Amino acid sequence: MLKENVLASKTLMLKTLRRFAGEAVSFSLAIAGCKLYPRQIFKAVAGLMRNSKSAVKVTGVLQSELEYRRFLDDWSDCSLWRSERHIMATLSCDTSKRACGGVLMTDNGRMETGDYWREESGTINFLEAKALLCALDGFKSRIRNSPLDVHKDSRPLLGSWQSECGSNTEINDVIKSI
């Protein structure tokens, strides 16, 4: 009910936004990846409190973040029970302005993947995040439901990953895709 009221509103009062932020926190405790999504909600709450405003307009990034919750409306799958596979894997990947590659080390040996960027442009930090996404995608059948150590040398990527969102929105969007 709260979700539908929030999604239907053009402006949100502080009290409603705080209640929705509380739901977002509870949701992120159940599904760890959801910690990436309430950032704009928290920024809106802080802005309202700091500026003593009573409401905020729902537009742009805040609107898309609120609409993310709609994935539950169409959810028909169940979460897979993690198997008892105890395969340790280590993933290393790197990138340049022209190509990216990754190496997966498991108990069964070493596997490599790589590709050239088609039309990717952006900072090297953004490309590092995209390289991680491409490497994970390339090895997804081998690493699904297994612990994975990832080695990266990109501080902005690590900072975004560890704090569940950094200040670089491009990197945040790639992390959300992961």
C-alpha atoms as a PDB file:
ATOM      1  CA  MET A   1       0.000   0.000   0.000  1.00  0.00           C
ATOM      2  CA  LEU A   2       2.754   2.458   0.941  1.00  0.00           C
ATOM      3  CA  LYS A   3       4.707   1.549  -2.198  1.00  0.00           C
ATOM      4  CA  GLU A   4       1.743   2.266  -4.477  1.00  0.00           C
ATOM      5  CA  ASN A   5       0.994   5.574  -2.738  1.00  0.00           C
ATOM      6  CA  VAL A   6       4.614   6.660  -3.094  1.00  0.00           C
ATOM      7  CA  LEU A   7       4.824   5.619  -6.735  1.00  0.00           C
ATOM      8  CA  ALA A   8       1.576   7.418  -7.606  1.00  0.00           C
ATOM      9  CA  SER A   9       2.628  10.716  -5.989  1.00  0.00           C
ATOM     10  CA  LYS A  10       4.205  13.669  -7.806  1.00  0.00           C
ATOM     11  CA  THR A  11       5.496  15.066  -4.490  1.00  0.00           C
ATOM     12  CA  LEU A  12       6.268  13.290  -1.233  1.00  0.00           C
ATOM     13  CA  MET A  13       5.928  14.581   2.302  1.00  0.00           C
ATOM     14  CA  LEU A  14       8.819  14.042   4.710  1.00  0.00           C
ATOM     15  CA  LYS A  15       6.852  11.616   6.913  1.00  0.00           C
ATOM     16  CA  THR A  16       5.901   9.400   3.949  1.00  0.00           C
ATOM     17  CA  LEU A  17       9.424   9.459   2.550  1.00  0.00           C
ATOM     18  CA  ARG A  18      10.884   8.496   5.930  1.00  0.00           C
ATOM     19  CA  ARG A  19       8.464   5.559   6.213  1.00  0.00           C
ATOM     20  CA  PHE A  20       9.428   4.425   2.731  1.00  0.00           C
ATOM     21  CA  ALA A  21      13.128   4.796   3.608  1.00  0.00           C
ATOM     22  CA  GLY A  22      12.519   2.542   6.624  1.00  0.00           C
ATOM     23  CA  GLU A  23      10.969  -0.074   4.346  1.00  0.00           C
ATOM     24  CA  ALA A  24      13.976   0.217   2.027  1.00  0.00           C
ATOM     25  CA  VAL A  25      16.323  -0.479   4.949  1.00  0.00           C
ATOM     26  CA  SER A  26      14.275  -3.509   6.016  1.00  0.00           C
ATOM     27  CA  PHE A  27      14.206  -4.749   2.441  1.00  0.00           C
ATOM     28  CA  SER A  28      17.979  -4.393   2.136  1.00  0.00           C
ATOM     29  CA  LEU A  29      18.442  -6.550   5.226  1.00  0.00           C
ATOM     30  CA  ALA A  30      16.593  -9.364   3.463  1.00  0.00           C
ATOM     31  CA  ILE A  31      18.199  -8.874   0.034  1.00  0.00           C
ATOM     32  CA  ALA A  32      21.752  -7.547   0.275  1.00  0.00           C
ATOM     33  CA  GLY A  33      21.869  -6.130  -3.253  1.00  0.00           C
ATOM     34  CA  CYS A  34      19.030  -3.745  -2.435  1.00  0.00           C
ATOM     35  CA  LYS A  35      21.441  -1.607  -0.424  1.00  0.00           C
ATOM     36  CA  LEU A  36      22.421  -0.055  -3.738  1.00  0.00           C
ATOM     37  CA  TYR A  37      19.021   1.435  -4.441  1.00  0.00           C
ATOM     38  CA  PRO A  38      17.797   3.726  -1.611  1.00  0.00           C
ATOM     39  CA  ARG A  39      20.630   6.284  -1.921  1.00  0.00           C
ATOM     40  CA  GLN A  40      18.476   8.993  -3.556  1.00  0.00           C
ATOM     41  CA  ILE A  41      15.688   8.348  -1.062  1.00  0.00           C
ATOM     42  CA  PHE A  42      18.086   9.031   1.821  1.00  0.00           C
ATOM     43  CA  LYS A  43      19.430  12.144   0.059  1.00  0.00           C
ATOM     44  CA  ALA A  44      15.878  13.451  -0.364  1.00  0.00           C
ATOM     45  CA  VAL A  45      15.077  12.862   3.326  1.00  0.00           C
ATOM     46  CA  ALA A  46      18.286  14.627   4.377  1.00  0.00           C
ATOM     47  CA  GLY A  47      17.569  17.540   2.029  1.00  0.00           C
ATOM     48  CA  LEU A  48      14.062  17.997   3.395  1.00  0.00           C
ATOM     49  CA  MET A  49      15.282  17.933   6.982  1.00  0.00           C
ATOM     50  CA  ARG A  50      18.205  20.277   6.290  1.00  0.00           C
ATOM     51  CA  ASN A  51      16.133  22.850   4.401  1.00  0.00           C
ATOM     52  CA  SER A  52      13.002  22.579   6.571  1.00  0.00           C
ATOM     53  CA  LYS A  53      10.877  21.828   3.514  1.00  0.00           C
ATOM     54  CA  SER A  54       7.703  19.792   3.794  1.00  0.00           C
ATOM     55  CA  ALA A  55       7.770  17.950   0.447  1.00  0.00           C
ATOM     56  CA  VAL A  56      10.036  16.918  -2.425  1.00  0.00           C
ATOM     57  CA  LYS A  57       9.165  16.530  -6.100  1.00  0.00           C
ATOM     58  CA  VAL A  58       9.490  13.010  -7.457  1.00  0.00           C
ATOM     59  CA  THR A  59      11.555  13.382 -10.636  1.00  0.00           C
ATOM     60  CA  GLY A  60      14.676  12.040 -12.320  1.00  0.00           C
ATOM     61  CA  VAL A  61      16.928   9.697 -10.382  1.00  0.00           C
ATOM     62  CA  LEU A  62      14.659   9.697  -7.319  1.00  0.00           C
ATOM     63  CA  GLN A  63      11.723   8.575  -9.448  1.00  0.00           C
ATOM     64  CA  SER A  64      13.700   5.775 -11.109  1.00  0.00           C
ATOM     65  CA  GLU A  65      14.958   4.626  -7.707  1.00  0.00           C
ATOM     66  CA  LEU A  66      11.412   4.520  -6.363  1.00  0.00           C
ATOM     67  CA  GLU A  67      10.188   2.668  -9.461  1.00  0.00           C
ATOM     68  CA  TYR A  68      12.851  -0.003  -8.929  1.00  0.00           C
ATOM     69  CA  ARG A  69      10.553  -1.451  -6.272  1.00  0.00           C
ATOM     70  CA  ARG A  70       8.139  -2.471  -9.055  1.00  0.00           C
ATOM     71  CA  PHE A  71      10.302  -5.515  -9.803  1.00  0.00           C
ATOM     72  CA  LEU A  72       8.398  -7.258  -7.010  1.00  0.00           C
ATOM     73  CA  ASP A  73       5.110  -6.836  -8.898  1.00  0.00           C
ATOM     74  CA  ASP A  74       6.261  -9.168 -11.692  1.00  0.00           C
ATOM     75  CA  TRP A  75       8.444 -11.478  -9.587  1.00  0.00           C
ATOM     76  CA  SER A  76       7.465 -15.077 -10.242  1.00  0.00           C
ATOM     77  CA  ASP A  77      10.740 -16.867  -9.552  1.00  0.00           C
ATOM     78  CA  CYS A  78      11.871 -18.186  -6.257  1.00  0.00           C
ATOM     79  CA  SER A  79      15.268 -17.552  -4.761  1.00  0.00           C
ATOM     80  CA  LEU A  80      17.521 -20.509  -5.284  1.00  0.00           C
ATOM     81  CA  TRP A  81      18.714 -22.367  -2.260  1.00  0.00           C
ATOM     82  CA  ARG A  82      22.474 -22.202  -2.240  1.00  0.00           C
ATOM     83  CA  SER A  83      24.001 -25.529  -2.989  1.00  0.00           C
ATOM     84  CA  GLU A  84      26.645 -27.032  -0.781  1.00  0.00           C
ATOM     85  CA  ARG A  85      29.359 -26.531  -3.378  1.00  0.00           C
ATOM     86  CA  HIS A  86      32.549 -25.420  -1.698  1.00  0.00           C
ATOM     87  CA  ILE A  87      34.425 -24.241  -4.748  1.00  0.00           C
ATOM     88  CA  MET A  88      36.740 -21.346  -4.089  1.00  0.00           C
ATOM     89  CA  ALA A  89      37.324 -19.109  -7.076  1.00  0.00           C
ATOM     90  CA  THR A  90      39.467 -16.033  -7.616  1.00  0.00           C
ATOM     91  CA  LEU A  91      38.691 -13.538 -10.348  1.00  0.00           C
ATOM     92  CA  SER A  92      41.113 -10.935 -11.638  1.00  0.00           C
ATOM     93  CA  CYS A  93      40.268  -8.562 -14.435  1.00  0.00           C
ATOM     94  CA  ASP A  94      41.678  -5.461 -16.046  1.00  0.00           C
ATOM     95  CA  THR A  95      40.878  -3.046 -18.822  1.00  0.00           C
ATOM     96  CA  SER A  96      42.250  -0.468 -21.183  1.00  0.00           C
ATOM     97  CA  LYS A  97      40.513   2.040 -23.432  1.00  0.00           C
ATOM     98  CA  ARG A  98      40.338  -0.668 -26.141  1.00  0.00           C
ATOM     99  CA  ALA A  99      39.757  -4.024 -24.446  1.00  0.00           C
ATOM    100  CA  CYS A 100      39.061  -5.868 -21.213  1.00  0.00           C
ATOM    101  CA  GLY A 101      39.899  -9.307 -19.912  1.00  0.00           C
ATOM    102  CA  GLY A 102      39.513 -11.567 -16.930  1.00  0.00           C
ATOM    103  CA  VAL A 103      41.154 -14.634 -15.415  1.00  0.00           C
ATOM    104  CA  LEU A 104      39.271 -17.091 -13.215  1.00  0.00           C
ATOM    105  CA  MET A 105      41.322 -19.393 -11.001  1.00  0.00           C
ATOM    106  CA  THR A 106      39.504 -22.402  -9.522  1.00  0.00           C
ATOM    107  CA  ASP A 107      40.458 -25.804  -8.168  1.00  0.00           C
ATOM    108  CA  ASN A 108      40.044 -27.092 -11.734  1.00  0.00           C
ATOM    109  CA  GLY A 109      42.545 -24.673 -13.240  1.00  0.00           C
ATOM    110  CA  ARG A 110      42.723 -21.337 -14.986  1.00  0.00           C
ATOM    111  CA  MET A 111      40.222 -19.903 -17.472  1.00  0.00           C
ATOM    112  CA  GLU A 112      40.475 -16.662 -19.415  1.00  0.00           C
ATOM    113  CA  THR A 113      38.021 -14.354 -21.131  1.00  0.00           C
ATOM    114  CA  GLY A 114      38.428 -11.091 -22.962  1.00  0.00           C
ATOM    115  CA  ASP A 115      36.905  -8.832 -25.540  1.00  0.00           C
ATOM    116  CA  TYR A 116      37.355  -5.523 -27.293  1.00  0.00           C
ATOM    117  CA  TRP A 117      35.126  -2.579 -26.428  1.00  0.00           C
ATOM    118  CA  ARG A 118      32.727  -1.872 -29.231  1.00  0.00           C
ATOM    119  CA  GLU A 119      31.833   1.718 -28.515  1.00  0.00           C
ATOM    120  CA  GLU A 120      32.478   2.094 -24.809  1.00  0.00           C
ATOM    121  CA  SER A 121      33.852   5.404 -23.683  1.00  0.00           C
ATOM    122  CA  GLY A 122      34.292   6.938 -20.294  1.00  0.00           C
ATOM    123  CA  THR A 123      36.819   7.161 -17.544  1.00  0.00           C
ATOM    124  CA  ILE A 124      39.172   4.280 -16.868  1.00  0.00           C
ATOM    125  CA  ASN A 125      37.371   3.729 -13.539  1.00  0.00           C
ATOM    126  CA  PHE A 126      34.063   3.254 -15.353  1.00  0.00           C
ATOM    127  CA  LEU A 127      35.736   0.849 -17.790  1.00  0.00           C
ATOM    128  CA  GLU A 128      37.206  -1.086 -14.832  1.00  0.00           C
ATOM    129  CA  ALA A 129      33.678  -1.554 -13.474  1.00  0.00           C
ATOM    130  CA  LYS A 130      32.424  -2.642 -16.908  1.00  0.00           C
ATOM    131  CA  ALA A 131      35.350  -5.094 -17.176  1.00  0.00           C
ATOM    132  CA  LEU A 132      34.318  -6.686 -13.875  1.00  0.00           C
ATOM    133  CA  LEU A 133      30.733  -6.983 -15.110  1.00  0.00           C
ATOM    134  CA  CYS A 134      31.906  -8.559 -18.395  1.00  0.00           C
ATOM    135  CA  ALA A 135      34.197 -11.014 -16.596  1.00  0.00           C
ATOM    136  CA  LEU A 136      31.445 -12.057 -14.184  1.00  0.00           C
ATOM    137  CA  ASP A 137      29.082 -12.476 -17.114  1.00  0.00           C
ATOM    138  CA  GLY A 138      31.643 -14.564 -19.005  1.00  0.00           C
ATOM    139  CA  PHE A 139      32.157 -16.953 -16.093  1.00  0.00           C
ATOM    140  CA  LYS A 140      28.632 -16.931 -14.633  1.00  0.00           C
ATOM    141  CA  SER A 141      27.932 -20.622 -15.261  1.00  0.00           C
ATOM    142  CA  ARG A 142      31.087 -21.592 -13.361  1.00  0.00           C
ATOM    143  CA  ILE A 143      30.778 -19.226 -10.405  1.00  0.00           C
ATOM    144  CA  ARG A 144      27.030 -19.235  -9.695  1.00  0.00           C
ATOM    145  CA  ASN A 145      26.316 -19.907  -5.998  1.00  0.00           C
ATOM    146  CA  SER A 146      30.011 -20.066  -5.109  1.00  0.00           C
ATOM    147  CA  PRO A 147      32.148 -17.820  -2.942  1.00  0.00           C
ATOM    148  CA  LEU A 148      34.275 -15.549  -5.112  1.00  0.00           C
ATOM    149  CA  ASP A 149      37.318 -13.430  -4.324  1.00  0.00           C
ATOM    150  CA  VAL A 150      37.674 -10.547  -6.773  1.00  0.00           C
ATOM    151  CA  HIS A 151      40.977  -8.723  -7.214  1.00  0.00           C
ATOM    152  CA  LYS A 152      40.706  -5.158  -8.526  1.00  0.00           C
ATOM    153  CA  ASP A 153      43.033  -2.177  -8.385  1.00  0.00           C
ATOM    154  CA  SER A 154      40.398   0.521  -8.972  1.00  0.00           C
ATOM    155  CA  ARG A 155      39.869   2.468  -5.750  1.00  0.00           C
ATOM    156  CA  PRO A 156      36.649   4.162  -6.964  1.00  0.00           C
ATOM    157  CA  LEU A 157      35.200   0.762  -7.876  1.00  0.00           C
ATOM    158  CA  LEU A 158      36.212  -0.745  -4.529  1.00  0.00           C
ATOM    159  CA  GLY A 159      34.865   2.274  -2.671  1.00  0.00           C
ATOM    160  CA  SER A 160      31.537   2.041  -4.468  1.00  0.00           C
ATOM    161  CA  TRP A 161      31.339  -1.692  -3.857  1.00  0.00           C
ATOM    162  CA  GLN A 162      32.217  -1.559  -0.170  1.00  0.00           C
ATOM    163  CA  SER A 163      30.012   1.367   0.769  1.00  0.00           C
ATOM    164  CA  GLU A 164      27.126   0.188  -1.430  1.00  0.00           C
ATOM    165  CA  CYS A 165      27.379   3.303  -3.641  1.00  0.00           C
ATOM    166  CA  GLY A 166      29.965   5.952  -4.224  1.00  0.00           C
ATOM    167  CA  SER A 167      29.699   9.385  -5.732  1.00  0.00           C
ATOM    168  CA  ASN A 168      30.305   8.212  -9.332  1.00  0.00           C
ATOM    169  CA  THR A 169      26.853   7.434 -10.745  1.00  0.00           C
ATOM    170  CA  GLU A 170      28.241   5.582 -13.785  1.00  0.00           C
ATOM    171  CA  ILE A 171      30.093   3.116 -11.547  1.00  0.00           C
ATOM    172  CA  ASN A 172      27.035   2.817  -9.279  1.00  0.00           C
ATOM    173  CA  ASP A 173      24.888   1.866 -12.268  1.00  0.00           C
ATOM    174  CA  VAL A 174      27.374  -0.858 -13.277  1.00  0.00           C
ATOM    175  CA  ILE A 175      27.460  -2.191  -9.704  1.00  0.00           C
ATOM    176  CA  LYS A 176      23.654  -2.339  -9.716  1.00  0.00           C
ATOM    177  CA  SER A 177      23.897  -4.472 -12.865  1.00  0.00           C
ATOM    178  CA  ILE A 178      26.208  -6.891 -11.080  1.00  0.00           C
END
